[in-house]
Protein backbone atom coordinates (compact mmCIF):
# COMPACT_ATOMS: atom_id res chain seq x y z
CA MET A 1 -59.90 -71.20 77.46
CA ASN A 2 -60.01 -75.01 78.02
CA THR A 3 -57.67 -76.90 76.02
CA VAL A 4 -59.41 -80.43 76.06
CA THR A 5 -62.64 -78.67 75.11
CA THR A 6 -60.44 -77.23 72.50
CA ASP A 7 -59.22 -80.44 70.89
CA ALA A 8 -62.85 -82.56 71.53
CA SER A 9 -64.20 -79.16 69.15
CA GLN A 10 -61.46 -79.40 66.56
CA LEU A 11 -61.31 -83.71 66.55
CA TRP A 12 -65.39 -83.11 66.11
CA ALA A 13 -65.03 -81.09 63.08
CA GLU A 14 -62.84 -82.90 61.58
CA HIS A 15 -64.36 -86.30 62.08
CA GLN A 16 -67.70 -84.28 60.65
CA VAL A 17 -65.84 -83.68 57.20
CA THR A 18 -63.81 -87.11 57.07
CA ALA A 19 -67.30 -88.53 57.53
CA LEU A 20 -68.72 -86.33 54.54
CA ALA A 21 -66.16 -86.84 52.33
CA GLU A 22 -66.12 -90.80 52.70
CA GLY A 23 -66.97 -91.80 49.43
CA ALA A 24 -66.40 -88.59 46.91
CA GLY A 25 -64.29 -89.24 43.96
CA GLU A 26 -63.39 -85.59 43.49
CA TRP A 27 -62.79 -83.67 47.39
CA THR A 28 -62.28 -80.12 47.29
CA VAL A 29 -64.00 -77.85 49.37
CA PRO A 30 -64.58 -74.41 48.32
CA PRO A 31 -64.70 -71.59 51.06
CA TYR A 32 -67.82 -71.03 52.19
CA GLY A 33 -69.44 -68.01 50.83
CA SER A 34 -67.35 -67.62 47.73
CA ALA A 35 -69.05 -68.15 44.26
CA ALA A 36 -67.73 -71.59 44.13
CA TRP A 37 -69.87 -72.78 47.25
CA SER A 38 -72.96 -70.97 46.31
CA GLN A 39 -73.01 -73.16 42.91
CA LEU A 40 -72.99 -76.45 44.41
CA PRO A 41 -76.13 -78.38 44.63
CA PRO A 42 -77.92 -77.81 47.78
CA SER A 43 -77.09 -81.24 48.95
CA ASP A 44 -73.75 -81.01 48.38
CA PRO A 45 -71.53 -82.91 51.08
CA ARG A 46 -69.21 -80.22 50.58
CA ARG A 47 -71.52 -77.16 51.40
CA TYR A 48 -71.89 -78.76 54.85
CA ALA A 49 -67.87 -79.43 54.63
CA ALA A 50 -67.50 -75.82 54.24
CA VAL A 51 -69.87 -74.45 56.84
CA ILE A 52 -67.58 -76.59 59.24
CA GLU A 53 -64.90 -75.60 57.88
CA ALA A 54 -65.64 -71.81 57.94
CA ALA A 55 -67.30 -72.67 62.25
CA GLU A 56 -63.81 -74.05 63.23
CA ARG A 57 -61.74 -71.18 61.74
CA TRP A 58 -64.08 -68.68 63.43
CA ARG A 59 -64.16 -70.84 66.36
CA ARG A 60 -60.02 -70.54 66.39
CA GLN A 61 -60.21 -66.80 65.66
CA ALA A 62 -62.39 -66.08 68.58
CA ALA A 63 -60.29 -68.46 71.17
CA GLU A 64 -57.23 -66.68 70.01
CA GLU A 65 -58.41 -63.60 70.42
CA GLU A 66 -59.75 -64.36 73.89
CA ARG A 67 -56.79 -65.73 74.88
CA LEU A 68 -54.75 -61.92 73.48
CA ASP A 69 -57.41 -60.64 75.45
CA GLN A 70 -56.79 -62.34 79.03
CA LEU A 71 -52.74 -62.02 78.22
CA ALA A 72 -53.45 -58.22 77.82
CA ASP A 73 -54.82 -58.23 81.03
CA GLU A 74 -52.50 -60.45 83.54
CA ASP A 75 -49.25 -59.57 81.95
CA PRO A 76 -48.82 -56.28 79.44
CA ALA A 77 -45.32 -56.64 78.40
CA ALA A 78 -45.73 -60.09 77.65
CA TRP A 79 -48.68 -59.20 74.98
CA TYR A 80 -46.78 -56.65 73.49
CA ALA A 81 -44.01 -58.19 73.01
CA GLU A 82 -46.01 -61.34 71.45
CA VAL A 83 -47.99 -58.92 68.96
CA THR A 84 -45.48 -57.24 68.41
CA ALA A 85 -43.41 -60.04 67.33
CA GLY A 86 -43.41 -60.38 63.92
CA ALA A 87 -42.93 -56.66 62.86
CA ASN A 88 -40.01 -56.84 65.34
CA ASP A 89 -38.91 -59.65 62.94
CA GLU A 90 -39.45 -57.67 59.95
CA ALA A 91 -37.70 -54.44 61.09
CA ARG A 92 -34.71 -56.70 62.07
CA ARG A 93 -34.91 -57.97 58.37
CA LEU A 94 -35.00 -54.40 56.68
CA ALA A 95 -32.34 -52.59 59.60
CA ALA A 96 -29.78 -55.08 58.21
CA ARG A 97 -30.56 -54.32 54.33
CA LEU A 98 -31.04 -50.53 54.92
CA ALA A 99 -27.32 -50.87 56.85
CA ARG A 100 -26.26 -51.90 53.81
CA MET A 101 -27.16 -49.34 51.28
CA ARG A 102 -25.78 -45.95 51.14
CA THR A 103 -27.33 -42.89 51.82
CA LEU A 104 -28.66 -39.94 49.90
CA ALA A 105 -25.68 -37.96 50.77
CA GLU A 106 -23.45 -40.66 49.76
CA GLN A 107 -25.41 -41.18 46.72
CA ASP A 108 -25.54 -37.46 46.01
CA GLU A 109 -21.67 -37.19 46.40
CA ALA A 110 -21.17 -40.15 44.44
CA ARG A 111 -23.38 -38.60 41.55
CA ALA A 112 -21.72 -35.21 42.12
CA HIS A 113 -19.22 -33.78 38.93
CA ARG A 114 -15.76 -33.59 39.99
CA PRO A 115 -13.29 -31.37 38.02
CA PRO A 116 -10.78 -33.43 35.84
CA ARG A 117 -7.28 -34.32 37.75
CA GLN A 118 -4.83 -32.26 36.34
CA LEU A 119 -2.04 -34.52 34.38
CA ARG A 120 1.53 -34.27 35.43
CA ALA A 121 3.94 -36.35 33.60
CA THR A 122 6.51 -37.70 35.19
CA PRO A 123 10.31 -37.61 35.08
CA GLY A 124 11.80 -41.06 34.11
CA TRP A 125 8.60 -42.27 32.79
CA PRO A 126 7.45 -42.13 29.39
CA PRO A 127 4.77 -39.09 27.90
CA VAL A 128 1.70 -38.90 29.41
CA ALA A 129 -1.38 -39.11 26.69
CA ILE A 130 -3.60 -36.32 27.16
CA PRO A 131 -7.36 -37.49 26.46
CA GLY A 132 -9.69 -36.37 24.12
CA GLN A 133 -6.57 -34.87 22.25
CA PRO A 134 -5.26 -37.81 19.83
CA GLY A 135 -0.97 -37.44 19.06
CA ARG A 136 -0.38 -34.72 22.07
CA TYR A 137 1.79 -35.93 24.75
CA LEU A 138 2.58 -34.12 28.09
CA HIS A 139 6.47 -33.79 28.64
CA PRO A 140 7.88 -33.80 32.17
CA ALA A 141 8.71 -29.74 32.62
CA PRO A 142 12.67 -29.02 31.94
CA SER A 143 12.82 -28.11 35.86
CA ALA A 144 11.64 -31.30 36.92
CA MET A 145 14.06 -33.01 34.73
CA ALA A 146 17.33 -31.41 36.32
CA ALA A 147 16.04 -32.14 39.85
């Protein structure tokens, strides 16, 4: 597509909307075809501005589709890289986040019930309190003390 024509069309559309806005106190242009647009009086310049803005958006979209179609014909690899760039960026962002997460197997292992560790009293250390049994202690075995 010719860039000069594109720029001229865009400038013309912007000029028309600016000219319509001159002297208007409140200038919010509702989207063309919306309920707010339908409620404007028929002679309201914002109705015309909405039509011009919608036409300009349509022109840009059609130009972009034409550019991508031409790119697909001329260089399919470049077309593919361009149309998948956003998805690739998102995949890279998600991959980094997923790499920091634990796998299901790791989560299951962390939740798995492990048998309680067998308590042993060490010679030379104070007796070990037995959990859940107040006042009861493990003392080193007499054979361990002789060693």
